[in-house]
Amino acid sequence: MKNIILQHWTGDLNELVSLSSANISRYAEYVGADYRLLRGQVFRPHLTTASQKVYMLDEEFDDYDMVVMLDPDMFVRKGMDNNILTDVTGIGMHNDVQTRVFNGLRRKHPSLMDPKYPFWGGAIYRLTRDQRQRLRKNIREDEIICFGRKQWEGEDEGIMHRLATLAQMEISYIPGWEWCHCSYRDGVERSSMIHVRTKVTAAGPKRTKIENYRDLVERGLIEE
């Protein structure tokens, strides 16, 4: 099996992205996968930064059995030894956040959104070669631009849902929050991967992600 874990960033690397890249690169080595941080507008230059994650479907990666895409503010929890390639099922996560986002996009684009097909959160995708090829062949430029032209219009999540709808992809979700546990949510100490957010608690207040990262390091939940 040949696998790769990807992340993406456009622009100069900030401290958190550099730390996340180093953390995930070490994890990729641990699970025997290649690692790459994609840089710049690699998918479609006229679409938003988040939309560039859809590049994981590109033919460039067809030699890989499994491709995992992670946001550049994701970290492996210290001491976690689970394998994202073999110890989990599902393509992406879907929790209450994704339900709210999907409903909002469905109101805006009723002809492009279909609840019979999956809507994955954009922080983590894990796709086999066959799944990537099924999605890729359904890319329609006039449809993906509806989601990717500016922030908060769906971006990669909207694009991937539309491709999954056209491909009639089965619903396949990663269970719960374990592999994308928001840093402010209860139970983060039992997670496999931590998604560093700006909230301090679910009700607020907020501070910078790097401040929350440092707090997680101090708590022994992320290895510096």
C-alpha atoms as a PDB file:
ATOM      1  CA  MET A   1       0.000   0.000   0.000  1.00  0.00           C
ATOM      2  CA  LYS A   2       1.242   3.452  -0.933  1.00  0.00           C
ATOM      3  CA  ASN A   3      -0.395   6.351   0.890  1.00  0.00           C
ATOM      4  CA  ILE A   4       0.136  10.074   1.338  1.00  0.00           C
ATOM      5  CA  ILE A   5      -1.016  12.710   3.808  1.00  0.00           C
ATOM      6  CA  LEU A   6      -1.445  16.215   2.391  1.00  0.00           C
ATOM      7  CA  GLN A   7      -1.976  19.688   3.774  1.00  0.00           C
ATOM      8  CA  HIS A   8      -2.396  22.943   1.881  1.00  0.00           C
ATOM      9  CA  TRP A   9      -1.495  26.583   2.396  1.00  0.00           C
ATOM     10  CA  THR A  10      -1.443  29.687   0.204  1.00  0.00           C
ATOM     11  CA  GLY A  11       0.892  32.534   1.090  1.00  0.00           C
ATOM     12  CA  ASP A  12       3.731  32.850   3.586  1.00  0.00           C
ATOM     13  CA  LEU A  13       3.785  30.204   6.283  1.00  0.00           C
ATOM     14  CA  ASN A  14       2.777  31.443   9.719  1.00  0.00           C
ATOM     15  CA  GLU A  15       3.925  29.855  12.963  1.00  0.00           C
ATOM     16  CA  LEU A  16       0.884  27.630  13.440  1.00  0.00           C
ATOM     17  CA  VAL A  17       0.993  26.244   9.889  1.00  0.00           C
ATOM     18  CA  SER A  18       4.705  25.469  10.243  1.00  0.00           C
ATOM     19  CA  LEU A  19       4.068  23.681  13.540  1.00  0.00           C
ATOM     20  CA  SER A  20       1.126  21.732  12.125  1.00  0.00           C
ATOM     21  CA  SER A  21       3.126  20.710   9.052  1.00  0.00           C
ATOM     22  CA  ALA A  22       5.979  19.427  11.210  1.00  0.00           C
ATOM     23  CA  ASN A  23       3.552  17.558  13.486  1.00  0.00           C
ATOM     24  CA  ILE A  24       1.653  15.879  10.644  1.00  0.00           C
ATOM     25  CA  SER A  25       4.871  15.107   8.745  1.00  0.00           C
ATOM     26  CA  ARG A  26       6.170  13.185  11.768  1.00  0.00           C
ATOM     27  CA  TYR A  27       2.854  11.355  12.011  1.00  0.00           C
ATOM     28  CA  ALA A  28       2.950  10.428   8.310  1.00  0.00           C
ATOM     29  CA  GLU A  29       6.373   8.890   8.829  1.00  0.00           C
ATOM     30  CA  TYR A  30       5.018   6.975  11.836  1.00  0.00           C
ATOM     31  CA  VAL A  31       2.191   5.405   9.802  1.00  0.00           C
ATOM     32  CA  GLY A  32       4.419   4.750   6.788  1.00  0.00           C
ATOM     33  CA  ALA A  33       2.886   7.384   4.486  1.00  0.00           C
ATOM     34  CA  ASP A  34       4.444  10.066   2.341  1.00  0.00           C
ATOM     35  CA  TYR A  35       3.803  13.676   3.309  1.00  0.00           C
ATOM     36  CA  ARG A  36       3.500  16.899   1.351  1.00  0.00           C
ATOM     37  CA  LEU A  37       2.451  20.448   2.129  1.00  0.00           C
ATOM     38  CA  LEU A  38       0.874  21.821  -1.039  1.00  0.00           C
ATOM     39  CA  ARG A  39       1.555  25.502  -1.622  1.00  0.00           C
ATOM     40  CA  GLY A  40      -0.372  28.089  -3.601  1.00  0.00           C
ATOM     41  CA  GLN A  41      -3.347  27.962  -5.951  1.00  0.00           C
ATOM     42  CA  VAL A  42      -2.819  24.395  -7.129  1.00  0.00           C
ATOM     43  CA  PHE A  43      -6.420  23.424  -8.000  1.00  0.00           C
ATOM     44  CA  ARG A  44      -8.005  26.447  -9.666  1.00  0.00           C
ATOM     45  CA  PRO A  45      -6.242  29.836  -9.365  1.00  0.00           C
ATOM     46  CA  HIS A  46      -9.538  31.761  -9.465  1.00  0.00           C
ATOM     47  CA  LEU A  47     -11.012  29.899  -6.488  1.00  0.00           C
ATOM     48  CA  THR A  48     -10.486  30.500  -2.766  1.00  0.00           C
ATOM     49  CA  THR A  49      -7.611  29.120  -0.745  1.00  0.00           C
ATOM     50  CA  ALA A  50      -9.759  26.486   0.981  1.00  0.00           C
ATOM     51  CA  SER A  51     -11.038  25.293  -2.392  1.00  0.00           C
ATOM     52  CA  GLN A  52      -7.487  24.332  -3.370  1.00  0.00           C
ATOM     53  CA  LYS A  53      -7.765  21.256  -1.124  1.00  0.00           C
ATOM     54  CA  VAL A  54      -9.804  19.629  -3.900  1.00  0.00           C
ATOM     55  CA  TYR A  55      -6.454  19.192  -5.669  1.00  0.00           C
ATOM     56  CA  MET A  56      -6.174  15.969  -3.684  1.00  0.00           C
ATOM     57  CA  LEU A  57      -8.306  14.443  -6.471  1.00  0.00           C
ATOM     58  CA  ASP A  58      -5.718  15.244  -9.144  1.00  0.00           C
ATOM     59  CA  GLU A  59      -4.152  12.581 -11.364  1.00  0.00           C
ATOM     60  CA  GLU A  60      -0.817  13.439  -9.778  1.00  0.00           C
ATOM     61  CA  PHE A  61      -1.803  11.278  -6.810  1.00  0.00           C
ATOM     62  CA  ASP A  62      -3.202   8.302  -8.726  1.00  0.00           C
ATOM     63  CA  ASP A  63      -0.238   6.155  -7.693  1.00  0.00           C
ATOM     64  CA  TYR A  64      -1.442   6.385  -4.090  1.00  0.00           C
ATOM     65  CA  ASP A  65      -3.959   3.941  -2.636  1.00  0.00           C
ATOM     66  CA  MET A  66      -5.156   6.403   0.003  1.00  0.00           C
ATOM     67  CA  VAL A  67      -4.850  10.184   0.071  1.00  0.00           C
ATOM     68  CA  VAL A  68      -5.610  12.040   3.296  1.00  0.00           C
ATOM     69  CA  MET A  69      -6.044  15.826   3.294  1.00  0.00           C
ATOM     70  CA  LEU A  70      -5.821  17.691   6.607  1.00  0.00           C
ATOM     71  CA  ASP A  71      -6.279  21.359   7.412  1.00  0.00           C
ATOM     72  CA  PRO A  72      -3.060  23.200   8.341  1.00  0.00           C
ATOM     73  CA  ASP A  73      -4.248  23.745  11.916  1.00  0.00           C
ATOM     74  CA  MET A  74      -4.629  20.047  12.709  1.00  0.00           C
ATOM     75  CA  PHE A  75      -2.366  18.234  15.188  1.00  0.00           C
ATOM     76  CA  VAL A  76      -1.939  14.665  16.338  1.00  0.00           C
ATOM     77  CA  ARG A  77      -2.650  14.330  20.058  1.00  0.00           C
ATOM     78  CA  LYS A  78       0.476  13.486  22.025  1.00  0.00           C
ATOM     79  CA  GLY A  79       0.693   9.756  22.744  1.00  0.00           C
ATOM     80  CA  MET A  80      -1.908   8.841  20.121  1.00  0.00           C
ATOM     81  CA  ASP A  81      -0.923   5.702  18.195  1.00  0.00           C
ATOM     82  CA  ASN A  82      -4.001   5.110  16.035  1.00  0.00           C
ATOM     83  CA  ASN A  83      -3.537   4.946  12.263  1.00  0.00           C
ATOM     84  CA  ILE A  84      -5.702   7.251  10.137  1.00  0.00           C
ATOM     85  CA  LEU A  85      -5.112   4.918   7.183  1.00  0.00           C
ATOM     86  CA  THR A  86      -6.275   1.684   8.795  1.00  0.00           C
ATOM     87  CA  ASP A  87      -7.932   2.333  12.163  1.00  0.00           C
ATOM     88  CA  VAL A  88     -10.857   4.427  10.991  1.00  0.00           C
ATOM     89  CA  THR A  89     -13.662   4.147   8.454  1.00  0.00           C
ATOM     90  CA  GLY A  90     -15.319   6.881   6.446  1.00  0.00           C
ATOM     91  CA  ILE A  91     -14.284   9.588   4.020  1.00  0.00           C
ATOM     92  CA  GLY A  92     -14.875  12.675   6.159  1.00  0.00           C
ATOM     93  CA  MET A  93     -16.665  13.867   9.242  1.00  0.00           C
ATOM     94  CA  HIS A  94     -20.239  15.107   9.596  1.00  0.00           C
ATOM     95  CA  ASN A  95     -21.503  16.525  12.875  1.00  0.00           C
ATOM     96  CA  ASP A  96     -23.815  19.338  13.922  1.00  0.00           C
ATOM     97  CA  VAL A  97     -21.562  21.974  12.351  1.00  0.00           C
ATOM     98  CA  GLN A  98     -21.775  20.334   8.936  1.00  0.00           C
ATOM     99  CA  THR A  99     -25.545  19.993   9.235  1.00  0.00           C
ATOM    100  CA  ARG A 100     -25.867  23.750   9.768  1.00  0.00           C
ATOM    101  CA  VAL A 101     -23.516  24.563   6.888  1.00  0.00           C
ATOM    102  CA  PHE A 102     -25.295  22.148   4.557  1.00  0.00           C
ATOM    103  CA  ASN A 103     -28.703  23.623   5.347  1.00  0.00           C
ATOM    104  CA  GLY A 104     -27.424  27.126   4.658  1.00  0.00           C
ATOM    105  CA  LEU A 105     -25.923  26.116   1.328  1.00  0.00           C
ATOM    106  CA  ARG A 106     -29.070  24.242   0.381  1.00  0.00           C
ATOM    107  CA  ARG A 107     -31.108  27.404   0.831  1.00  0.00           C
ATOM    108  CA  LYS A 108     -28.688  29.282  -1.392  1.00  0.00           C
ATOM    109  CA  HIS A 109     -28.104  26.585  -4.022  1.00  0.00           C
ATOM    110  CA  PRO A 110     -31.143  24.260  -3.896  1.00  0.00           C
ATOM    111  CA  SER A 111     -30.405  22.706  -7.283  1.00  0.00           C
ATOM    112  CA  LEU A 112     -26.830  21.791  -6.316  1.00  0.00           C
ATOM    113  CA  MET A 113     -27.355  20.335  -2.842  1.00  0.00           C
ATOM    114  CA  ASP A 114     -28.884  16.910  -2.233  1.00  0.00           C
ATOM    115  CA  PRO A 115     -29.299  15.430   1.273  1.00  0.00           C
ATOM    116  CA  LYS A 116     -29.184  11.897  -0.169  1.00  0.00           C
ATOM    117  CA  TYR A 117     -25.440  12.315  -0.645  1.00  0.00           C
ATOM    118  CA  PRO A 118     -22.591  13.039   1.780  1.00  0.00           C
ATOM    119  CA  PHE A 119     -21.502  16.451   3.005  1.00  0.00           C
ATOM    120  CA  TRP A 120     -18.085  16.236   4.628  1.00  0.00           C
ATOM    121  CA  GLY A 121     -16.373  18.745   6.860  1.00  0.00           C
ATOM    122  CA  GLY A 122     -13.324  20.239   5.174  1.00  0.00           C
ATOM    123  CA  ALA A 123     -10.749  19.671   7.934  1.00  0.00           C
ATOM    124  CA  ILE A 124     -10.189  16.016   7.052  1.00  0.00           C
ATOM    125  CA  TYR A 125     -10.785  13.877   3.970  1.00  0.00           C
ATOM    126  CA  ARG A 126      -9.533  10.336   3.365  1.00  0.00           C
ATOM    127  CA  LEU A 127     -10.161   8.985  -0.116  1.00  0.00           C
ATOM    128  CA  THR A 128      -9.184   5.808  -1.930  1.00  0.00           C
ATOM    129  CA  ARG A 129      -7.975   5.912  -5.519  1.00  0.00           C
ATOM    130  CA  ASP A 130     -11.342   4.731  -6.839  1.00  0.00           C
ATOM    131  CA  GLN A 131     -13.227   7.339  -4.807  1.00  0.00           C
ATOM    132  CA  ARG A 132     -10.938  10.136  -5.994  1.00  0.00           C
ATOM    133  CA  GLN A 133     -11.352   9.132  -9.612  1.00  0.00           C
ATOM    134  CA  ARG A 134     -15.132   8.904  -9.283  1.00  0.00           C
ATOM    135  CA  LEU A 135     -15.255  12.422  -7.862  1.00  0.00           C
ATOM    136  CA  ARG A 136     -12.734  13.882 -10.307  1.00  0.00           C
ATOM    137  CA  LYS A 137     -14.567  12.868 -13.441  1.00  0.00           C
ATOM    138  CA  ASN A 138     -17.609  14.884 -12.306  1.00  0.00           C
ATOM    139  CA  ILE A 139     -15.864  18.251 -12.002  1.00  0.00           C
ATOM    140  CA  ARG A 140     -17.939  20.883 -13.802  1.00  0.00           C
ATOM    141  CA  GLU A 141     -16.371  24.321 -13.833  1.00  0.00           C
ATOM    142  CA  ASP A 142     -19.695  26.176 -13.964  1.00  0.00           C
ATOM    143  CA  GLU A 143     -20.845  24.432 -10.777  1.00  0.00           C
ATOM    144  CA  ILE A 144     -17.737  24.420  -8.619  1.00  0.00           C
ATOM    145  CA  ILE A 145     -17.339  28.178  -9.059  1.00  0.00           C
ATOM    146  CA  CYS A 146     -20.663  28.640  -7.241  1.00  0.00           C
ATOM    147  CA  PHE A 147     -18.950  27.399  -4.067  1.00  0.00           C
ATOM    148  CA  GLY A 148     -15.364  28.488  -4.557  1.00  0.00           C
ATOM    149  CA  ARG A 149     -15.447  32.090  -5.719  1.00  0.00           C
ATOM    150  CA  LYS A 150     -15.245  33.611  -2.219  1.00  0.00           C
ATOM    151  CA  GLN A 151     -15.015  32.619   1.428  1.00  0.00           C
ATOM    152  CA  TRP A 152     -17.999  31.159   3.279  1.00  0.00           C
ATOM    153  CA  GLU A 153     -19.813  30.051   0.103  1.00  0.00           C
ATOM    154  CA  GLY A 154     -19.089  26.377   0.688  1.00  0.00           C
ATOM    155  CA  GLU A 155     -15.612  26.260  -0.811  1.00  0.00           C
ATOM    156  CA  ASP A 156     -14.098  22.746  -0.722  1.00  0.00           C
ATOM    157  CA  GLU A 157     -17.034  21.369   1.272  1.00  0.00           C
ATOM    158  CA  GLY A 158     -19.585  22.544  -1.272  1.00  0.00           C
ATOM    159  CA  ILE A 159     -17.465  21.406  -4.197  1.00  0.00           C
ATOM    160  CA  MET A 160     -16.883  17.946  -2.742  1.00  0.00           C
ATOM    161  CA  HIS A 161     -20.575  17.538  -1.962  1.00  0.00           C
ATOM    162  CA  ARG A 162     -21.536  18.439  -5.510  1.00  0.00           C
ATOM    163  CA  LEU A 163     -19.001  15.984  -6.927  1.00  0.00           C
ATOM    164  CA  ALA A 164     -20.265  13.290  -4.551  1.00  0.00           C
ATOM    165  CA  THR A 165     -23.832  13.983  -5.666  1.00  0.00           C
ATOM    166  CA  LEU A 166     -22.982  13.676  -9.347  1.00  0.00           C
ATOM    167  CA  ALA A 167     -20.983  10.517  -8.631  1.00  0.00           C
ATOM    168  CA  GLN A 168     -23.859   9.149  -6.517  1.00  0.00           C
ATOM    169  CA  MET A 169     -21.328   8.522  -3.773  1.00  0.00           C
ATOM    170  CA  GLU A 170     -22.442   6.515  -0.795  1.00  0.00           C
ATOM    171  CA  ILE A 171     -22.686   8.313   2.552  1.00  0.00           C
ATOM    172  CA  SER A 172     -19.516   7.430   4.463  1.00  0.00           C
ATOM    173  CA  TYR A 173     -18.690   9.464   7.548  1.00  0.00           C
ATOM    174  CA  ILE A 174     -15.862   9.231  10.059  1.00  0.00           C
ATOM    175  CA  PRO A 175     -17.695   8.638  13.355  1.00  0.00           C
ATOM    176  CA  GLY A 176     -17.857  11.369  15.979  1.00  0.00           C
ATOM    177  CA  TRP A 177     -15.193  13.975  16.680  1.00  0.00           C
ATOM    178  CA  GLU A 178     -12.188  11.758  17.400  1.00  0.00           C
ATOM    179  CA  TRP A 179     -10.238  12.538  14.227  1.00  0.00           C
ATOM    180  CA  CYS A 180     -11.098  16.234  14.100  1.00  0.00           C
ATOM    181  CA  HIS A 181     -11.742  17.245  17.693  1.00  0.00           C
ATOM    182  CA  CYS A 182     -12.133  21.005  18.035  1.00  0.00           C
ATOM    183  CA  SER A 183      -9.662  22.270  20.628  1.00  0.00           C
ATOM    184  CA  TYR A 184     -12.415  23.931  22.704  1.00  0.00           C
ATOM    185  CA  ARG A 185     -14.694  20.890  22.954  1.00  0.00           C
ATOM    186  CA  ASP A 186     -14.887  18.667  26.017  1.00  0.00           C
ATOM    187  CA  GLY A 187     -13.034  15.386  25.676  1.00  0.00           C
ATOM    188  CA  VAL A 188     -10.121  16.707  23.627  1.00  0.00           C
ATOM    189  CA  GLU A 189      -7.742  14.666  25.799  1.00  0.00           C
ATOM    190  CA  ARG A 190      -9.291  11.492  24.334  1.00  0.00           C
ATOM    191  CA  SER A 191      -9.068  12.582  20.700  1.00  0.00           C
ATOM    192  CA  SER A 192      -6.789  11.265  17.981  1.00  0.00           C
ATOM    193  CA  MET A 193      -6.376  14.562  16.141  1.00  0.00           C
ATOM    194  CA  ILE A 194      -6.995  18.071  17.450  1.00  0.00           C
ATOM    195  CA  HIS A 195      -8.322  20.896  15.271  1.00  0.00           C
ATOM    196  CA  VAL A 196      -7.011  24.117  16.814  1.00  0.00           C
ATOM    197  CA  ARG A 197      -9.734  26.770  16.793  1.00  0.00           C
ATOM    198  CA  THR A 198     -10.002  30.334  18.099  1.00  0.00           C
ATOM    199  CA  LYS A 199     -12.638  29.578  20.738  1.00  0.00           C
ATOM    200  CA  VAL A 200     -11.423  28.910  24.259  1.00  0.00           C
ATOM    201  CA  THR A 201     -14.671  27.173  25.257  1.00  0.00           C
ATOM    202  CA  ALA A 202     -17.784  26.312  23.276  1.00  0.00           C
ATOM    203  CA  ALA A 203     -19.460  29.495  24.544  1.00  0.00           C
ATOM    204  CA  GLY A 204     -16.374  31.666  24.042  1.00  0.00           C
ATOM    205  CA  PRO A 205     -14.356  33.822  24.493  1.00  0.00           C
ATOM    206  CA  LYS A 206     -11.883  33.724  21.628  1.00  0.00           C
ATOM    207  CA  ARG A 207      -8.154  34.207  21.262  1.00  0.00           C
ATOM    208  CA  THR A 208      -5.576  33.473  18.567  1.00  0.00           C
ATOM    209  CA  LYS A 209      -5.036  29.921  17.410  1.00  0.00           C
ATOM    210  CA  ILE A 210      -1.367  30.046  18.362  1.00  0.00           C
ATOM    211  CA  GLU A 211      -2.354  30.948  21.925  1.00  0.00           C
ATOM    212  CA  ASN A 212      -4.704  27.974  22.064  1.00  0.00           C
ATOM    213  CA  TYR A 213      -1.982  25.769  20.551  1.00  0.00           C
ATOM    214  CA  ARG A 214       0.449  26.812  23.293  1.00  0.00           C
ATOM    215  CA  ASP A 215      -2.175  26.041  25.926  1.00  0.00           C
ATOM    216  CA  LEU A 216      -2.598  22.535  24.482  1.00  0.00           C
ATOM    217  CA  VAL A 217       1.185  22.061  24.586  1.00  0.00           C
ATOM    218  CA  GLU A 218       1.259  23.148  28.239  1.00  0.00           C
ATOM    219  CA  ARG A 219      -1.540  20.693  28.994  1.00  0.00           C
ATOM    220  CA  GLY A 220       0.524  17.898  27.461  1.00  0.00           C
ATOM    221  CA  LEU A 221      -1.941  17.257  24.645  1.00  0.00           C
ATOM    222  CA  ILE A 222       0.319  18.262  21.725  1.00  0.00           C
ATOM    223  CA  GLU A 223       4.015  17.493  21.434  1.00  0.00           C
ATOM    224  CA  GLU A 224       5.965  20.641  20.628  1.00  0.00           C
END
